[in-house]
Amino acid sequence: MPQQTHQQGQQIESKIDIVCENQRILQIDETYQRIEDKVNVLEEKVDNAIGQWCARINAQEKNETTALNKELETDADAVKTEIKALKKELAKRQTREVTTGSIQVKTPLFDGTTNFNAFKLQFGVVVTKNM
């Protein structure tokens, strides 16, 4: 009988070891599940944060694009206005006669000491030049 009791004791110890091992496995599994749940929660938070940042970035890009488009339109309108003014000025200049600045030459005075024919010739040249 003592041998049988000894075998039963060993079997009980073996079963206790198995139960303890199973409890450790269950604890590890529970810990793993808690960690996995926390990871899932963190993944959701990260996904939400990424979604919010993407929405902010898209909104900011849209605002900046709109502002740049308005600025470009304003600049384009200013350039168009300037081009129209330049075309108008060019048209005016093309239709206007070219005038050259003329210098008026004084007619010589006849003082009686110079030859009258020479005076007459000089006077005619000056009058023609001043026309």
N, C-alpha and C. Protein backbone atom coordinates (compact mmCIF):
# COMPACT_ATOMS: atom_id res chain seq x y z
N MET A 1 0.77 -1.19 0.00
CA MET A 1 0.00 0.00 0.00
C MET A 1 0.82 1.27 0.00
N PRO A 2 1.89 1.23 0.70
CA PRO A 2 2.68 2.45 0.70
C PRO A 2 3.12 2.82 -0.72
N GLN A 3 3.34 1.81 -1.51
CA GLN A 3 3.75 2.11 -2.88
C GLN A 3 2.58 2.74 -3.64
N GLN A 4 1.43 2.26 -3.41
CA GLN A 4 0.26 2.78 -4.08
C GLN A 4 0.00 4.21 -3.61
N THR A 5 0.18 4.49 -2.39
CA THR A 5 0.00 5.83 -1.84
C THR A 5 1.05 6.76 -2.44
N HIS A 6 2.23 6.22 -2.57
CA HIS A 6 3.30 7.02 -3.17
C HIS A 6 2.96 7.36 -4.62
N GLN A 7 2.46 6.40 -5.36
CA GLN A 7 2.08 6.64 -6.76
C GLN A 7 0.93 7.64 -6.83
N GLN A 8 -0.01 7.49 -5.93
CA GLN A 8 -1.13 8.44 -5.92
C GLN A 8 -0.64 9.85 -5.58
N GLY A 9 0.31 9.93 -4.68
CA GLY A 9 0.90 11.24 -4.32
C GLY A 9 1.57 11.86 -5.52
N GLN A 10 2.30 11.03 -6.27
CA GLN A 10 2.98 11.54 -7.47
C GLN A 10 1.96 11.98 -8.52
N GLN A 11 0.90 11.20 -8.66
CA GLN A 11 -0.14 11.57 -9.62
C GLN A 11 -0.79 12.90 -9.22
N ILE A 12 -1.04 13.01 -7.92
CA ILE A 12 -1.65 14.26 -7.44
C ILE A 12 -0.70 15.43 -7.68
N GLU A 13 0.57 15.24 -7.39
CA GLU A 13 1.57 16.29 -7.64
C GLU A 13 1.62 16.64 -9.12
N SER A 14 1.59 15.63 -9.96
CA SER A 14 1.61 15.84 -11.41
C SER A 14 0.39 16.64 -11.84
N LYS A 15 -0.78 16.26 -11.27
CA LYS A 15 -2.00 16.97 -11.62
C LYS A 15 -1.95 18.41 -11.10
N ILE A 16 -1.39 18.58 -9.92
CA ILE A 16 -1.25 19.93 -9.36
C ILE A 16 -0.32 20.76 -10.25
N ASP A 17 0.77 20.15 -10.71
CA ASP A 17 1.70 20.85 -11.61
C ASP A 17 0.98 21.25 -12.91
N ILE A 18 0.16 20.31 -13.41
CA ILE A 18 -0.57 20.60 -14.65
C ILE A 18 -1.56 21.74 -14.42
N VAL A 19 -2.26 21.71 -13.28
CA VAL A 19 -3.22 22.77 -12.96
C VAL A 19 -2.50 24.11 -12.82
N CYS A 20 -1.36 24.10 -12.13
CA CYS A 20 -0.57 25.34 -11.98
C CYS A 20 -0.11 25.86 -13.34
N GLU A 21 0.36 24.95 -14.17
CA GLU A 21 0.81 25.34 -15.52
C GLU A 21 -0.35 25.91 -16.32
N ASN A 22 -1.52 25.26 -16.20
CA ASN A 22 -2.71 25.75 -16.90
C ASN A 22 -3.11 27.14 -16.39
N GLN A 23 -2.99 27.36 -15.08
CA GLN A 23 -3.31 28.67 -14.52
C GLN A 23 -2.34 29.74 -15.05
N ARG A 24 -1.06 29.39 -15.14
CA ARG A 24 -0.07 30.33 -15.70
C ARG A 24 -0.39 30.63 -17.16
N ILE A 25 -0.78 29.60 -17.89
CA ILE A 25 -1.14 29.79 -19.30
C ILE A 25 -2.36 30.70 -19.40
N LEU A 26 -3.36 30.48 -18.53
CA LEU A 26 -4.55 31.32 -18.53
C LEU A 26 -4.20 32.77 -18.18
N GLN A 27 -3.31 32.95 -17.20
CA GLN A 27 -2.89 34.30 -16.84
C GLN A 27 -2.17 34.99 -18.00
N ILE A 28 -1.31 34.22 -18.65
CA ILE A 28 -0.59 34.77 -19.81
C ILE A 28 -1.59 35.12 -20.91
N ASP A 29 -2.57 34.25 -21.13
CA ASP A 29 -3.57 34.50 -22.16
C ASP A 29 -4.40 35.74 -21.81
N GLU A 30 -4.79 35.87 -20.53
CA GLU A 30 -5.55 37.04 -20.11
C GLU A 30 -4.72 38.32 -20.28
N THR A 31 -3.47 38.24 -19.90
CA THR A 31 -2.57 39.40 -20.06
C THR A 31 -2.44 39.75 -21.54
N TYR A 32 -2.28 38.74 -22.37
CA TYR A 32 -2.18 38.95 -23.81
C TYR A 32 -3.45 39.62 -24.33
N GLN A 33 -4.62 39.16 -23.88
CA GLN A 33 -5.89 39.74 -24.31
C GLN A 33 -5.99 41.21 -23.89
N ARG A 34 -5.58 41.52 -22.64
CA ARG A 34 -5.62 42.91 -22.18
C ARG A 34 -4.69 43.79 -23.02
N ILE A 35 -3.52 43.26 -23.29
CA ILE A 35 -2.56 44.02 -24.11
C ILE A 35 -3.12 44.21 -25.52
N GLU A 36 -3.70 43.16 -26.08
CA GLU A 36 -4.27 43.24 -27.42
C GLU A 36 -5.41 44.25 -27.46
N ASP A 37 -6.26 44.27 -26.40
CA ASP A 37 -7.34 45.25 -26.32
C ASP A 37 -6.78 46.68 -26.27
N LYS A 38 -5.73 46.87 -25.46
CA LYS A 38 -5.11 48.20 -25.37
C LYS A 38 -4.51 48.61 -26.71
N VAL A 39 -3.89 47.66 -27.39
CA VAL A 39 -3.31 47.95 -28.70
C VAL A 39 -4.42 48.35 -29.68
N ASN A 40 -5.54 47.64 -29.64
CA ASN A 40 -6.66 47.97 -30.52
C ASN A 40 -7.20 49.37 -30.24
N VAL A 41 -7.30 49.71 -28.95
CA VAL A 41 -7.77 51.05 -28.58
C VAL A 41 -6.79 52.10 -29.10
N LEU A 42 -5.50 51.84 -28.91
CA LEU A 42 -4.48 52.78 -29.39
C LEU A 42 -4.51 52.90 -30.91
N GLU A 43 -4.71 51.79 -31.60
CA GLU A 43 -4.80 51.84 -33.06
C GLU A 43 -5.98 52.69 -33.50
N GLU A 44 -7.12 52.56 -32.80
CA GLU A 44 -8.28 53.38 -33.13
C GLU A 44 -7.98 54.86 -32.90
N LYS A 45 -7.33 55.16 -31.76
CA LYS A 45 -6.98 56.55 -31.48
C LYS A 45 -6.04 57.11 -32.54
N VAL A 46 -5.06 56.31 -32.93
CA VAL A 46 -4.11 56.74 -33.96
C VAL A 46 -4.84 56.96 -35.28
N ASP A 47 -5.72 56.04 -35.65
CA ASP A 47 -6.48 56.19 -36.89
C ASP A 47 -7.34 57.45 -36.86
N ASN A 48 -7.98 57.71 -35.71
CA ASN A 48 -8.79 58.92 -35.57
C ASN A 48 -7.93 60.18 -35.69
N ALA A 49 -6.78 60.15 -35.02
CA ALA A 49 -5.88 61.31 -35.08
C ALA A 49 -5.39 61.54 -36.50
N ILE A 50 -5.05 60.46 -37.19
CA ILE A 50 -4.60 60.59 -38.59
C ILE A 50 -5.73 61.15 -39.45
N GLY A 51 -6.94 60.67 -39.23
CA GLY A 51 -8.09 61.19 -39.98
C GLY A 51 -8.31 62.67 -39.73
N GLN A 52 -8.18 63.09 -38.47
CA GLN A 52 -8.35 64.50 -38.14
C GLN A 52 -7.26 65.35 -38.79
N TRP A 53 -6.02 64.87 -38.73
CA TRP A 53 -4.92 65.61 -39.35
C TRP A 53 -5.10 65.70 -40.86
N CYS A 54 -5.53 64.61 -41.46
CA CYS A 54 -5.77 64.63 -42.92
C CYS A 54 -6.86 65.64 -43.26
N ALA A 55 -7.92 65.67 -42.46
CA ALA A 55 -9.00 66.63 -42.70
C ALA A 55 -8.49 68.06 -42.55
N ARG A 56 -7.68 68.31 -41.52
CA ARG A 56 -7.12 69.65 -41.32
C ARG A 56 -6.22 70.05 -42.48
N ILE A 57 -5.37 69.11 -42.89
CA ILE A 57 -4.44 69.40 -43.99
C ILE A 57 -5.22 69.68 -45.27
N ASN A 58 -6.24 68.87 -45.55
CA ASN A 58 -7.05 69.09 -46.75
C ASN A 58 -7.75 70.44 -46.71
N ALA A 59 -8.29 70.80 -45.54
CA ALA A 59 -8.96 72.09 -45.40
C ALA A 59 -7.97 73.24 -45.60
N GLN A 60 -6.78 73.09 -45.01
CA GLN A 60 -5.77 74.13 -45.15
C GLN A 60 -5.31 74.24 -46.61
N GLU A 61 -5.12 73.11 -47.27
CA GLU A 61 -4.73 73.13 -48.68
C GLU A 61 -5.81 73.82 -49.51
N LYS A 62 -7.07 73.53 -49.20
CA LYS A 62 -8.17 74.14 -49.95
C LYS A 62 -8.18 75.65 -49.73
N ASN A 63 -8.00 76.08 -48.47
CA ASN A 63 -7.98 77.51 -48.17
C ASN A 63 -6.82 78.21 -48.88
N GLU A 64 -5.64 77.59 -48.83
CA GLU A 64 -4.47 78.19 -49.47
C GLU A 64 -4.64 78.22 -50.99
N THR A 65 -5.20 77.16 -51.54
CA THR A 65 -5.43 77.12 -52.99
C THR A 65 -6.42 78.21 -53.39
N THR A 66 -7.47 78.38 -52.61
CA THR A 66 -8.46 79.42 -52.89
C THR A 66 -7.81 80.80 -52.82
N ALA A 67 -7.01 81.02 -51.78
CA ALA A 67 -6.34 82.32 -51.63
C ALA A 67 -5.38 82.58 -52.79
N LEU A 68 -4.62 81.56 -53.16
CA LEU A 68 -3.68 81.72 -54.28
C LEU A 68 -4.42 81.98 -55.59
N ASN A 69 -5.53 81.28 -55.80
CA ASN A 69 -6.32 81.51 -57.01
C ASN A 69 -6.85 82.94 -57.06
N LYS A 70 -7.32 83.45 -55.92
CA LYS A 70 -7.82 84.83 -55.88
C LYS A 70 -6.69 85.81 -56.17
N GLU A 71 -5.53 85.55 -55.58
CA GLU A 71 -4.37 86.42 -55.81
C GLU A 71 -3.96 86.39 -57.28
N LEU A 72 -3.96 85.19 -57.87
CA LEU A 72 -3.61 85.07 -59.28
C LEU A 72 -4.63 85.80 -60.16
N GLU A 73 -5.91 85.67 -59.83
CA GLU A 73 -6.94 86.37 -60.59
C GLU A 73 -6.76 87.88 -60.50
N THR A 74 -6.45 88.37 -59.29
CA THR A 74 -6.22 89.80 -59.10
C THR A 74 -5.03 90.26 -59.93
N ASP A 75 -3.94 89.49 -59.85
CA ASP A 75 -2.75 89.83 -60.63
C ASP A 75 -3.04 89.79 -62.13
N ALA A 76 -3.78 88.78 -62.56
CA ALA A 76 -4.11 88.65 -63.98
C ALA A 76 -4.97 89.83 -64.43
N ASP A 77 -5.92 90.23 -63.59
CA ASP A 77 -6.76 91.38 -63.93
C ASP A 77 -5.92 92.65 -64.04
N ALA A 78 -4.98 92.82 -63.12
CA ALA A 78 -4.11 93.99 -63.16
C ALA A 78 -3.27 93.99 -64.43
N VAL A 79 -2.75 92.83 -64.80
CA VAL A 79 -1.94 92.72 -66.02
C VAL A 79 -2.80 93.02 -67.25
N LYS A 80 -4.03 92.47 -67.27
CA LYS A 80 -4.93 92.73 -68.40
C LYS A 80 -5.23 94.23 -68.52
N THR A 81 -5.48 94.87 -67.39
CA THR A 81 -5.76 96.30 -67.40
C THR A 81 -4.56 97.08 -67.93
N GLU A 82 -3.39 96.70 -67.48
CA GLU A 82 -2.17 97.38 -67.94
C GLU A 82 -1.95 97.14 -69.43
N ILE A 83 -2.21 95.93 -69.90
CA ILE A 83 -2.06 95.63 -71.33
C ILE A 83 -3.04 96.47 -72.15
N LYS A 84 -4.29 96.58 -71.67
CA LYS A 84 -5.28 97.41 -72.38
C LYS A 84 -4.81 98.86 -72.46
N ALA A 85 -4.30 99.37 -71.34
CA ALA A 85 -3.83 100.76 -71.31
C ALA A 85 -2.66 100.94 -72.28
N LEU A 86 -1.75 99.97 -72.30
CA LEU A 86 -0.61 100.06 -73.21
C LEU A 86 -1.05 99.98 -74.67
N LYS A 87 -2.03 99.13 -74.96
CA LYS A 87 -2.55 99.04 -76.33
C LYS A 87 -3.19 100.35 -76.75
N LYS A 88 -3.95 100.94 -75.81
CA LYS A 88 -4.60 102.21 -76.10
C LYS A 88 -3.56 103.30 -76.36
N GLU A 89 -2.53 103.33 -75.53
CA GLU A 89 -1.45 104.31 -75.70
C GLU A 89 -0.73 104.08 -77.03
N LEU A 90 -0.49 102.83 -77.38
CA LEU A 90 0.16 102.50 -78.65
C LEU A 90 -0.69 102.96 -79.83
N ALA A 91 -1.99 102.71 -79.74
CA ALA A 91 -2.90 103.14 -80.81
C ALA A 91 -2.87 104.66 -80.96
N LYS A 92 -2.86 105.38 -79.84
CA LYS A 92 -2.79 106.84 -79.89
C LYS A 92 -1.50 107.28 -80.58
N ARG A 93 -0.42 106.67 -80.19
CA ARG A 93 0.88 107.08 -80.74
C ARG A 93 1.00 106.73 -82.22
N GLN A 94 0.36 105.64 -82.62
CA GLN A 94 0.44 105.26 -84.03
C GLN A 94 -0.39 106.18 -84.91
N THR A 95 -1.48 106.71 -84.39
CA THR A 95 -2.33 107.59 -85.20
C THR A 95 -1.87 109.04 -85.14
N ARG A 96 -1.15 109.43 -84.15
CA ARG A 96 -0.69 110.80 -84.01
C ARG A 96 0.48 111.05 -84.96
N GLU A 97 0.49 112.26 -85.54
CA GLU A 97 1.60 112.60 -86.42
C GLU A 97 2.85 112.81 -85.59
N VAL A 98 3.94 112.48 -86.20
CA VAL A 98 5.21 112.70 -85.54
C VAL A 98 5.58 114.15 -85.75
N THR A 99 5.77 114.82 -84.65
CA THR A 99 6.17 116.22 -84.76
C THR A 99 7.60 116.33 -84.27
N THR A 100 8.34 117.07 -85.03
CA THR A 100 9.72 117.28 -84.62
C THR A 100 9.80 118.66 -84.01
N GLY A 101 10.58 118.77 -83.05
CA GLY A 101 10.76 120.07 -82.43
C GLY A 101 11.48 120.99 -83.41
N SER A 102 10.94 122.16 -83.57
CA SER A 102 11.59 123.08 -84.51
C SER A 102 12.12 124.28 -83.75
N ILE A 103 13.23 124.73 -84.21
CA ILE A 103 13.85 125.90 -83.60
C ILE A 103 13.54 127.10 -84.49
N GLN A 104 13.02 128.09 -83.88
CA GLN A 104 12.72 129.31 -84.62
C GLN A 104 14.02 130.11 -84.79
N VAL A 105 14.26 130.50 -86.02
CA VAL A 105 15.44 131.31 -86.31
C VAL A 105 14.98 132.76 -86.48
N LYS A 106 15.71 133.67 -85.85
CA LYS A 106 15.34 135.09 -85.95
C LYS A 106 15.67 135.61 -87.34
N THR A 107 14.75 136.39 -87.80
CA THR A 107 15.01 137.01 -89.11
C THR A 107 16.04 138.12 -88.94
N PRO A 108 16.92 138.22 -89.91
CA PRO A 108 17.93 139.28 -89.78
C PRO A 108 17.30 140.68 -89.97
N LEU A 109 17.84 141.64 -89.32
CA LEU A 109 17.36 143.02 -89.45
C LEU A 109 18.18 143.72 -90.54
N PHE A 110 17.49 144.49 -91.30
CA PHE A 110 18.19 145.23 -92.36
C PHE A 110 18.65 146.55 -91.76
N ASP A 111 19.94 146.69 -91.68
CA ASP A 111 20.48 147.91 -91.08
C ASP A 111 21.01 148.89 -92.13
N GLY A 112 20.92 148.51 -93.37
CA GLY A 112 21.33 149.38 -94.46
C GLY A 112 22.79 149.25 -94.82
N THR A 113 23.56 148.55 -94.03
CA THR A 113 24.99 148.43 -94.33
C THR A 113 25.28 147.19 -95.16
N THR A 114 24.38 146.19 -95.09
CA THR A 114 24.60 144.97 -95.87
C THR A 114 23.93 145.12 -97.22
N ASN A 115 24.38 144.35 -98.15
CA ASN A 115 23.82 144.35 -99.50
C ASN A 115 22.37 143.87 -99.40
N PHE A 116 21.45 144.57 -100.08
CA PHE A 116 20.03 144.23 -99.99
C PHE A 116 19.75 142.86 -100.58
N ASN A 117 20.41 142.46 -101.67
CA ASN A 117 20.19 141.14 -102.28
C ASN A 117 20.63 140.03 -101.32
N ALA A 118 21.74 140.25 -100.62
CA ALA A 118 22.20 139.26 -99.64
C ALA A 118 21.20 139.18 -98.49
N PHE A 119 20.71 140.38 -98.03
CA PHE A 119 19.71 140.41 -96.96
C PHE A 119 18.45 139.69 -97.38
N LYS A 120 18.00 139.93 -98.63
CA LYS A 120 16.78 139.32 -99.15
C LYS A 120 16.92 137.81 -99.19
N LEU A 121 18.07 137.32 -99.62
CA LEU A 121 18.33 135.88 -99.68
C LEU A 121 18.30 135.28 -98.27
N GLN A 122 18.98 135.93 -97.31
CA GLN A 122 19.00 135.44 -95.92
C GLN A 122 17.59 135.46 -95.33
N PHE A 123 16.85 136.52 -95.59
CA PHE A 123 15.50 136.65 -95.06
C PHE A 123 14.60 135.54 -95.59
N GLY A 124 14.71 135.23 -96.91
CA GLY A 124 13.91 134.17 -97.53
C GLY A 124 14.24 132.80 -96.93
N VAL A 125 15.53 132.54 -96.70
CA VAL A 125 15.94 131.26 -96.10
C VAL A 125 15.37 131.13 -94.70
N VAL A 126 15.44 132.18 -93.89
CA VAL A 126 14.94 132.15 -92.51
C VAL A 126 13.43 131.94 -92.50
N VAL A 127 12.71 132.65 -93.36
CA VAL A 127 11.25 132.50 -93.40
C VAL A 127 10.88 131.08 -93.80
N THR A 128 11.56 130.51 -94.78
CA THR A 128 11.29 129.14 -95.21
C THR A 128 11.59 128.16 -94.07
N LYS A 129 12.66 128.40 -93.37
CA LYS A 129 13.05 127.51 -92.26
C LYS A 129 12.03 127.57 -91.12
N ASN A 130 11.48 128.73 -90.85
CA ASN A 130 10.55 128.91 -89.73
C ASN A 130 9.13 128.43 -90.03
N MET A 131 8.86 128.04 -91.23
CA MET A 131 7.50 127.59 -91.56
C MET A 131 7.18 126.26 -90.99
